[in-house]
Amino acid sequence: MKTLTIDIVNDKVIKLLQDLESLQLIRVRREKPLKETQIKWEAKYKGAMQKQPLIEIDNQLNELRNSWE
């Protein structure tokens, strides 16, 4: 088995590839998102919040909820 990477220039090709796949002549694999393009949330928000006891967080949430009522 050989692996090729192709660039789809025209969307009509997708139907052709699906037909070839249904005939079991090829196998189409979707690309997985590159890890480099994924957002690194922990690096982005590291240090944005201070560590607090759980009771304090619950109290703050309750205050916020009660302010909406």
N, C-alpha and C. Protein backbone atom coordinates (compact mmCIF):
# COMPACT_ATOMS: atom_id res chain seq x y z
N MET A 1 0.85 -1.17 0.00
CA MET A 1 0.00 0.00 0.00
C MET A 1 0.90 1.24 0.00
N LYS A 2 0.52 2.24 -0.79
CA LYS A 2 1.25 3.49 -0.86
C LYS A 2 0.36 4.59 -0.32
N THR A 3 0.97 5.56 0.30
CA THR A 3 0.23 6.70 0.84
C THR A 3 0.60 7.94 0.05
N LEU A 4 -0.42 8.66 -0.40
CA LEU A 4 -0.23 9.90 -1.13
C LEU A 4 -0.99 11.01 -0.44
N THR A 5 -0.47 12.19 -0.53
CA THR A 5 -1.17 13.38 -0.04
C THR A 5 -1.56 14.19 -1.26
N ILE A 6 -2.84 14.52 -1.36
CA ILE A 6 -3.31 15.30 -2.50
C ILE A 6 -3.99 16.56 -2.02
N ASP A 7 -4.00 17.58 -2.86
CA ASP A 7 -4.72 18.81 -2.58
C ASP A 7 -5.97 18.83 -3.45
N ILE A 8 -7.11 19.03 -2.82
CA ILE A 8 -8.38 19.09 -3.55
C ILE A 8 -8.52 20.49 -4.12
N VAL A 9 -8.56 20.57 -5.46
CA VAL A 9 -8.69 21.86 -6.13
C VAL A 9 -10.15 22.14 -6.46
N ASN A 10 -10.88 21.08 -6.75
CA ASN A 10 -12.28 21.22 -7.12
C ASN A 10 -13.10 20.26 -6.25
N ASP A 11 -14.20 20.74 -5.71
CA ASP A 11 -15.02 19.92 -4.80
C ASP A 11 -15.66 18.72 -5.50
N LYS A 12 -15.72 18.72 -6.82
CA LYS A 12 -16.29 17.58 -7.54
C LYS A 12 -15.44 16.32 -7.34
N VAL A 13 -14.17 16.52 -7.03
CA VAL A 13 -13.27 15.39 -6.84
C VAL A 13 -13.67 14.57 -5.62
N ILE A 14 -14.24 15.21 -4.63
CA ILE A 14 -14.62 14.50 -3.41
C ILE A 14 -15.60 13.38 -3.72
N LYS A 15 -16.57 13.64 -4.58
CA LYS A 15 -17.53 12.60 -4.97
C LYS A 15 -16.81 11.46 -5.68
N LEU A 16 -15.88 11.78 -6.55
CA LEU A 16 -15.12 10.74 -7.24
C LEU A 16 -14.33 9.88 -6.26
N LEU A 17 -13.71 10.53 -5.30
CA LEU A 17 -12.94 9.79 -4.30
C LEU A 17 -13.85 8.90 -3.46
N GLN A 18 -15.03 9.40 -3.13
CA GLN A 18 -15.98 8.59 -2.36
C GLN A 18 -16.42 7.37 -3.17
N ASP A 19 -16.61 7.55 -4.47
CA ASP A 19 -16.98 6.41 -5.33
C ASP A 19 -15.85 5.38 -5.37
N LEU A 20 -14.62 5.84 -5.49
CA LEU A 20 -13.49 4.91 -5.48
C LEU A 20 -13.38 4.19 -4.14
N GLU A 21 -13.70 4.90 -3.08
CA GLU A 21 -13.65 4.28 -1.75
C GLU A 21 -14.74 3.23 -1.61
N SER A 22 -15.93 3.50 -2.13
CA SER A 22 -17.02 2.52 -2.04
C SER A 22 -16.71 1.26 -2.85
N LEU A 23 -15.91 1.41 -3.90
CA LEU A 23 -15.47 0.24 -4.68
C LEU A 23 -14.29 -0.47 -4.03
N GLN A 24 -13.87 0.03 -2.88
CA GLN A 24 -12.75 -0.51 -2.12
C GLN A 24 -11.45 -0.49 -2.92
N LEU A 25 -11.30 0.57 -3.70
CA LEU A 25 -10.07 0.76 -4.46
C LEU A 25 -9.09 1.65 -3.70
N ILE A 26 -9.63 2.54 -2.91
CA ILE A 26 -8.80 3.43 -2.10
C ILE A 26 -9.44 3.57 -0.72
N ARG A 27 -8.69 4.12 0.20
CA ARG A 27 -9.21 4.44 1.53
C ARG A 27 -8.93 5.93 1.75
N VAL A 28 -9.97 6.67 2.07
CA VAL A 28 -9.83 8.11 2.29
C VAL A 28 -9.72 8.35 3.78
N ARG A 29 -8.67 9.05 4.17
CA ARG A 29 -8.49 9.41 5.58
C ARG A 29 -8.51 10.92 5.69
N ARG A 30 -9.29 11.41 6.63
CA ARG A 30 -9.34 12.86 6.87
C ARG A 30 -8.15 13.26 7.69
N GLU A 31 -7.61 14.44 7.41
CA GLU A 31 -6.47 14.92 8.17
C GLU A 31 -6.92 15.31 9.57
N LYS A 32 -6.09 15.00 10.53
CA LYS A 32 -6.34 15.43 11.90
C LYS A 32 -5.77 16.84 12.04
N PRO A 33 -6.40 17.67 12.88
CA PRO A 33 -5.85 19.01 13.06
C PRO A 33 -4.43 18.95 13.62
N LEU A 34 -3.59 19.80 13.11
CA LEU A 34 -2.22 19.83 13.58
C LEU A 34 -2.17 20.35 15.01
N LYS A 35 -1.31 19.78 15.80
CA LYS A 35 -1.20 20.20 17.19
C LYS A 35 -0.70 21.63 17.30
N GLU A 36 0.05 22.07 16.30
CA GLU A 36 0.60 23.42 16.34
C GLU A 36 -0.51 24.47 16.22
N THR A 37 -1.60 24.13 15.49
CA THR A 37 -2.67 25.09 15.28
C THR A 37 -3.67 25.11 16.43
N GLN A 38 -3.61 24.11 17.29
CA GLN A 38 -4.53 24.08 18.41
C GLN A 38 -4.11 25.11 19.45
N ILE A 39 -5.09 25.70 20.10
CA ILE A 39 -4.81 26.71 21.12
C ILE A 39 -4.34 26.01 22.39
N LYS A 40 -3.27 26.49 22.93
CA LYS A 40 -2.75 25.95 24.19
C LYS A 40 -3.34 26.78 25.32
N TRP A 41 -4.52 26.32 25.78
CA TRP A 41 -5.29 27.09 26.76
C TRP A 41 -4.55 27.29 28.06
N GLU A 42 -3.87 26.27 28.52
CA GLU A 42 -3.21 26.42 29.83
C GLU A 42 -2.07 27.42 29.76
N ALA A 43 -1.39 27.50 28.62
CA ALA A 43 -0.33 28.50 28.48
C ALA A 43 -0.93 29.89 28.34
N LYS A 44 -2.07 29.97 27.65
CA LYS A 44 -2.70 31.27 27.40
C LYS A 44 -3.24 31.89 28.70
N TYR A 45 -3.84 31.05 29.54
CA TYR A 45 -4.49 31.58 30.73
C TYR A 45 -3.75 31.25 32.03
N LYS A 46 -2.55 30.75 31.93
CA LYS A 46 -1.79 30.40 33.14
C LYS A 46 -1.57 31.65 33.98
N GLY A 47 -1.93 31.59 35.23
CA GLY A 47 -1.77 32.71 36.14
C GLY A 47 -2.90 33.71 36.08
N ALA A 48 -3.92 33.45 35.25
CA ALA A 48 -5.03 34.39 35.14
C ALA A 48 -5.91 34.36 36.39
N MET A 49 -5.95 33.25 37.06
CA MET A 49 -6.74 33.13 38.28
C MET A 49 -5.83 32.70 39.42
N GLN A 50 -6.14 33.20 40.59
CA GLN A 50 -5.38 32.81 41.76
C GLN A 50 -6.05 31.60 42.40
N LYS A 51 -5.26 30.80 43.06
CA LYS A 51 -5.83 29.65 43.76
C LYS A 51 -6.62 30.16 44.95
N GLN A 52 -7.84 29.61 45.08
CA GLN A 52 -8.73 29.98 46.18
C GLN A 52 -9.34 28.72 46.76
N PRO A 53 -9.69 28.77 48.01
CA PRO A 53 -10.40 27.62 48.59
C PRO A 53 -11.75 27.45 47.89
N LEU A 54 -12.21 26.23 47.80
CA LEU A 54 -13.46 25.92 47.13
C LEU A 54 -14.64 26.66 47.74
N ILE A 55 -14.63 26.84 49.04
CA ILE A 55 -15.73 27.54 49.73
C ILE A 55 -15.83 28.98 49.24
N GLU A 56 -14.70 29.64 49.04
CA GLU A 56 -14.72 31.02 48.55
C GLU A 56 -15.29 31.10 47.14
N ILE A 57 -14.93 30.14 46.30
CA ILE A 57 -15.44 30.12 44.93
C ILE A 57 -16.94 29.91 44.94
N ASP A 58 -17.41 28.98 45.78
CA ASP A 58 -18.85 28.74 45.89
C ASP A 58 -19.58 30.00 46.36
N ASN A 59 -19.01 30.69 47.34
CA ASN A 59 -19.64 31.92 47.83
C ASN A 59 -19.71 32.98 46.73
N GLN A 60 -18.65 33.13 45.96
CA GLN A 60 -18.64 34.10 44.87
C GLN A 60 -19.68 33.76 43.81
N LEU A 61 -19.79 32.47 43.48
CA LEU A 61 -20.78 32.05 42.50
C LEU A 61 -22.19 32.31 43.00
N ASN A 62 -22.44 32.02 44.27
CA ASN A 62 -23.76 32.27 44.84
C ASN A 62 -24.10 33.75 44.83
N GLU A 63 -23.12 34.60 45.13
CA GLU A 63 -23.34 36.04 45.08
C GLU A 63 -23.69 36.49 43.67
N LEU A 64 -22.98 35.98 42.70
CA LEU A 64 -23.28 36.33 41.30
C LEU A 64 -24.68 35.87 40.89
N ARG A 65 -25.02 34.65 41.26
CA ARG A 65 -26.35 34.13 40.92
C ARG A 65 -27.45 34.93 41.59
N ASN A 66 -27.22 35.29 42.85
CA ASN A 66 -28.25 36.06 43.57
C ASN A 66 -28.40 37.48 43.01
N SER A 67 -27.36 38.03 42.45
CA SER A 67 -27.45 39.38 41.89
C SER A 67 -28.33 39.42 40.64
N TRP A 68 -28.50 38.28 39.97
CA TRP A 68 -29.35 38.22 38.78
C TRP A 68 -30.82 38.13 39.15
N GLU A 69 -31.11 37.73 40.34
CA GLU A 69 -32.52 37.54 40.74
C GLU A 69 -33.15 38.83 41.19
